[in-house]
C-alpha cells in the first residue's frame, strides 16, 4: 500500500507542475496513465498470488480433514 501512496503523491506533484505550466499536459497525462497501469498490474499479481495461496491452504485443510476422518473411523471400528 505504501508504493501506491508514493505513486499517488508523485502524481499529485506532477499535476501541480502541469498547473504551473512547467510540464506539457499530454506528456504528463501519459506518465500518469503509465504509472496507474503499472499499479493495477502489480495489484493483479498480488491478488493472483493470494488466490493461489488460499487454494493450497484449502487443499491442505481438506487432506487434513480426510486424514482425521479415516483415523477416527479406524479407531471406531477396531
N, C-alpha and C. Protein backbone atom coordinates (compact mmCIF):
# COMPACT_ATOMS: atom_id res chain seq x y z
N UNK A 1 0.83 -1.18 0.00
CA UNK A 1 0.00 0.00 0.00
C UNK A 1 0.88 1.26 0.00
N UNK A 2 2.06 1.16 0.57
CA UNK A 2 2.96 2.30 0.64
C UNK A 2 3.39 2.74 -0.76
N UNK A 3 3.65 1.79 -1.64
CA UNK A 3 4.02 2.13 -3.01
C UNK A 3 2.91 2.86 -3.73
N UNK A 4 1.69 2.48 -3.45
CA UNK A 4 0.53 3.15 -4.07
C UNK A 4 0.45 4.58 -3.56
N UNK A 5 0.67 4.79 -2.27
CA UNK A 5 0.63 6.13 -1.69
C UNK A 5 1.72 7.01 -2.29
N UNK A 6 2.92 6.46 -2.43
CA UNK A 6 4.02 7.23 -3.01
C UNK A 6 3.73 7.58 -4.47
N UNK A 7 3.18 6.62 -5.21
CA UNK A 7 2.84 6.89 -6.61
C UNK A 7 1.77 7.96 -6.71
N UNK A 8 0.81 7.92 -5.80
CA UNK A 8 -0.27 8.93 -5.81
C UNK A 8 0.29 10.30 -5.48
N UNK A 9 1.17 10.39 -4.48
CA UNK A 9 1.78 11.68 -4.14
C UNK A 9 2.61 12.22 -5.29
N UNK A 10 3.35 11.34 -5.95
CA UNK A 10 4.13 11.75 -7.11
C UNK A 10 3.22 12.26 -8.22
N UNK A 11 2.10 11.58 -8.41
CA UNK A 11 1.14 12.00 -9.42
C UNK A 11 0.58 13.39 -9.11
N UNK A 12 0.26 13.63 -7.84
CA UNK A 12 -0.26 14.94 -7.45
C UNK A 12 0.78 16.04 -7.67
N UNK A 13 2.06 15.74 -7.39
CA UNK A 13 3.12 16.72 -7.64
C UNK A 13 3.21 17.03 -9.13
N UNK A 14 3.08 16.01 -9.95
CA UNK A 14 3.16 16.24 -11.39
C UNK A 14 1.97 17.06 -11.88
N UNK A 15 0.81 16.82 -11.31
CA UNK A 15 -0.36 17.62 -11.69
C UNK A 15 -0.14 19.08 -11.30
N UNK A 16 0.47 19.32 -10.14
CA UNK A 16 0.78 20.69 -9.73
C UNK A 16 1.74 21.34 -10.71
N UNK A 17 2.72 20.57 -11.20
CA UNK A 17 3.66 21.11 -12.19
C UNK A 17 2.93 21.48 -13.48
N UNK A 18 1.96 20.69 -13.86
CA UNK A 18 1.18 20.99 -15.05
C UNK A 18 0.41 22.29 -14.84
N UNK A 19 -0.18 22.43 -13.64
CA UNK A 19 -0.94 23.64 -13.36
C UNK A 19 -0.05 24.88 -13.39
N UNK A 20 1.20 24.72 -12.98
CA UNK A 20 2.15 25.84 -13.02
C UNK A 20 2.67 26.08 -14.43
N UNK A 21 2.42 25.13 -15.32
CA UNK A 21 2.88 25.29 -16.69
C UNK A 21 4.29 24.83 -16.93
N UNK A 22 4.87 24.07 -15.99
CA UNK A 22 6.24 23.63 -16.16
C UNK A 22 6.35 22.35 -16.98
N UNK A 23 5.26 21.61 -17.12
CA UNK A 23 5.26 20.39 -17.93
C UNK A 23 4.13 20.49 -18.96
N UNK A 24 4.31 19.78 -20.06
CA UNK A 24 3.25 19.71 -21.05
C UNK A 24 2.20 18.71 -20.59
N UNK A 25 0.95 19.07 -20.75
CA UNK A 25 -0.16 18.26 -20.23
C UNK A 25 -0.20 16.87 -20.85
N UNK A 26 0.00 16.76 -22.17
CA UNK A 26 -0.10 15.44 -22.80
C UNK A 26 1.00 14.50 -22.33
N UNK A 27 2.19 15.01 -22.15
CA UNK A 27 3.30 14.18 -21.65
C UNK A 27 3.01 13.75 -20.22
N UNK A 28 2.52 14.68 -19.44
CA UNK A 28 2.22 14.41 -18.04
C UNK A 28 1.12 13.35 -17.92
N UNK A 29 0.06 13.49 -18.69
CA UNK A 29 -1.04 12.52 -18.63
C UNK A 29 -0.56 11.13 -19.07
N UNK A 30 0.32 11.07 -20.04
CA UNK A 30 0.88 9.79 -20.46
C UNK A 30 1.65 9.11 -19.34
N UNK A 31 2.43 9.90 -18.61
CA UNK A 31 3.19 9.35 -17.48
C UNK A 31 2.25 8.86 -16.39
N UNK A 32 1.24 9.67 -16.08
CA UNK A 32 0.29 9.30 -15.02
C UNK A 32 -0.44 8.02 -15.40
N UNK A 33 -0.91 7.93 -16.63
CA UNK A 33 -1.62 6.72 -17.06
C UNK A 33 -0.70 5.51 -17.03
N UNK A 34 0.56 5.69 -17.40
CA UNK A 34 1.52 4.59 -17.34
C UNK A 34 1.74 4.11 -15.92
N UNK A 35 1.85 5.05 -15.00
CA UNK A 35 2.06 4.67 -13.59
C UNK A 35 0.83 3.97 -13.03
N UNK A 36 -0.35 4.49 -13.35
CA UNK A 36 -1.57 3.84 -12.86
C UNK A 36 -1.73 2.44 -13.44
N UNK A 37 -1.34 2.26 -14.68
CA UNK A 37 -1.39 0.93 -15.30
C UNK A 37 -0.44 -0.02 -14.57
N UNK A 38 0.76 0.45 -14.24
CA UNK A 38 1.71 -0.38 -13.50
C UNK A 38 1.16 -0.76 -12.13
N UNK A 39 0.52 0.20 -11.45
CA UNK A 39 -0.06 -0.09 -10.13
C UNK A 39 -1.13 -1.16 -10.25
N UNK A 40 -1.99 -1.05 -11.25
CA UNK A 40 -3.06 -2.04 -11.43
C UNK A 40 -2.48 -3.42 -11.76
N UNK A 41 -1.43 -3.47 -12.57
CA UNK A 41 -0.79 -4.76 -12.89
C UNK A 41 -0.22 -5.39 -11.62
N UNK A 42 0.44 -4.57 -10.79
CA UNK A 42 1.00 -5.10 -9.55
C UNK A 42 -0.09 -5.61 -8.61
N UNK A 43 -1.20 -4.90 -8.53
CA UNK A 43 -2.31 -5.35 -7.68
C UNK A 43 -2.87 -6.67 -8.21
N UNK A 44 -2.96 -6.80 -9.53
CA UNK A 44 -3.46 -8.05 -10.12
C UNK A 44 -2.54 -9.22 -9.77
N UNK A 45 -1.24 -8.99 -9.83
CA UNK A 45 -0.27 -10.05 -9.48
C UNK A 45 -0.42 -10.44 -8.01
N UNK A 46 -0.58 -9.45 -7.14
CA UNK A 46 -0.74 -9.73 -5.71
C UNK A 46 -1.99 -10.56 -5.46
N UNK A 47 -3.11 -10.16 -6.08
CA UNK A 47 -4.36 -10.91 -5.89
C UNK A 47 -4.26 -12.32 -6.45
N UNK A 48 -3.58 -12.46 -7.58
CA UNK A 48 -3.41 -13.78 -8.17
C UNK A 48 -2.61 -14.69 -7.23
N UNK A 49 -1.56 -14.14 -6.65
CA UNK A 49 -0.74 -14.92 -5.72
C UNK A 49 -1.52 -15.28 -4.47
N UNK A 50 -2.35 -14.37 -3.98
CA UNK A 50 -3.17 -14.66 -2.81
C UNK A 50 -4.16 -15.78 -3.10
N UNK A 51 -4.74 -15.76 -4.29
CA UNK A 51 -5.68 -16.82 -4.66
C UNK A 51 -4.99 -18.18 -4.71
N UNK A 52 -3.76 -18.22 -5.23
CA UNK A 52 -3.02 -19.48 -5.27
C UNK A 52 -2.74 -19.99 -3.86
N UNK A 53 -2.35 -19.09 -2.97
CA UNK A 53 -2.06 -19.49 -1.59
C UNK A 53 -3.32 -20.01 -0.91
N UNK A 54 -4.45 -19.33 -1.11
CA UNK A 54 -5.71 -19.77 -0.49
C UNK A 54 -6.10 -21.15 -1.01
N UNK A 55 -5.96 -21.39 -2.31
CA UNK A 55 -6.29 -22.72 -2.86
C UNK A 55 -5.42 -23.80 -2.23
N UNK A 56 -4.13 -23.53 -2.07
CA UNK A 56 -3.23 -24.52 -1.47
C UNK A 56 -3.60 -24.79 -0.01
N UNK A 57 -3.94 -23.73 0.72
CA UNK A 57 -4.32 -23.91 2.12
C UNK A 57 -5.62 -24.72 2.24
N UNK A 58 -6.58 -24.46 1.35
CA UNK A 58 -7.82 -25.23 1.37
C UNK A 58 -7.56 -26.71 1.03
N UNK A 59 -6.65 -26.95 0.10
CA UNK A 59 -6.31 -28.33 -0.24
C UNK A 59 -5.68 -29.03 0.96
N UNK A 60 -4.77 -28.35 1.65
CA UNK A 60 -4.13 -28.94 2.84
C UNK A 60 -5.17 -29.20 3.92
N UNK A 61 -6.09 -28.26 4.10
CA UNK A 61 -7.15 -28.44 5.08
C UNK A 61 -8.03 -29.64 4.73
N UNK A 62 -8.35 -29.80 3.46
CA UNK A 62 -9.15 -30.94 3.02
C UNK A 62 -8.45 -32.25 3.28
N UNK A 63 -7.15 -32.30 2.98
CA UNK A 63 -6.38 -33.53 3.23
C UNK A 63 -6.34 -33.83 4.72
N UNK A 64 -6.17 -32.78 5.54
CA UNK A 64 -6.13 -32.99 6.99
C UNK A 64 -7.47 -33.51 7.50
N UNK A 65 -8.57 -32.99 6.97
CA UNK A 65 -9.89 -33.46 7.40
C UNK A 65 -10.14 -34.91 6.99
N UNK A 66 -9.74 -35.29 5.79
CA UNK A 66 -9.90 -36.67 5.34
C UNK A 66 -9.04 -37.59 6.20
N UNK A 67 -7.82 -37.17 6.49
CA UNK A 67 -6.94 -37.98 7.33
C UNK A 67 -7.54 -38.15 8.73
N UNK A 68 -8.08 -37.08 9.28
CA UNK A 68 -8.72 -37.15 10.59
C UNK A 68 -9.93 -38.08 10.55
N UNK A 69 -10.74 -38.00 9.51
CA UNK A 69 -11.92 -38.87 9.40
C UNK A 69 -11.51 -40.33 9.30
N UNK A 70 -10.48 -40.63 8.51
CA UNK A 70 -10.02 -42.01 8.38
C UNK A 70 -9.46 -42.52 9.70
N UNK A 71 -8.72 -41.67 10.39
CA UNK A 71 -8.15 -42.07 11.68
C UNK A 71 -9.26 -42.34 12.69
N UNK A 72 -10.25 -41.49 12.73
CA UNK A 72 -11.37 -41.69 13.66
C UNK A 72 -12.16 -42.94 13.31
N UNK A 73 -12.38 -43.16 12.01
CA UNK A 73 -13.14 -44.34 11.59
C UNK A 73 -12.38 -45.62 11.92
N UNK A 74 -11.07 -45.62 11.72
CA UNK A 74 -10.30 -46.83 12.02
C UNK A 74 -10.27 -47.08 13.53
N UNK A 75 -10.26 -46.04 14.34
CA UNK A 75 -10.31 -46.21 15.79
C UNK A 75 -11.68 -46.66 16.26
N UNK A 76 -12.71 -46.24 15.59
CA UNK A 76 -14.08 -46.59 15.95
C UNK A 76 -14.36 -48.06 15.67
N UNK A 77 -13.84 -48.56 14.56
CA UNK A 77 -14.13 -49.94 14.17
C UNK A 77 -13.18 -50.96 14.79
N UNK A 78 -12.12 -50.52 15.40
CA UNK A 78 -11.19 -51.52 15.96
C UNK A 78 -11.51 -51.90 17.38
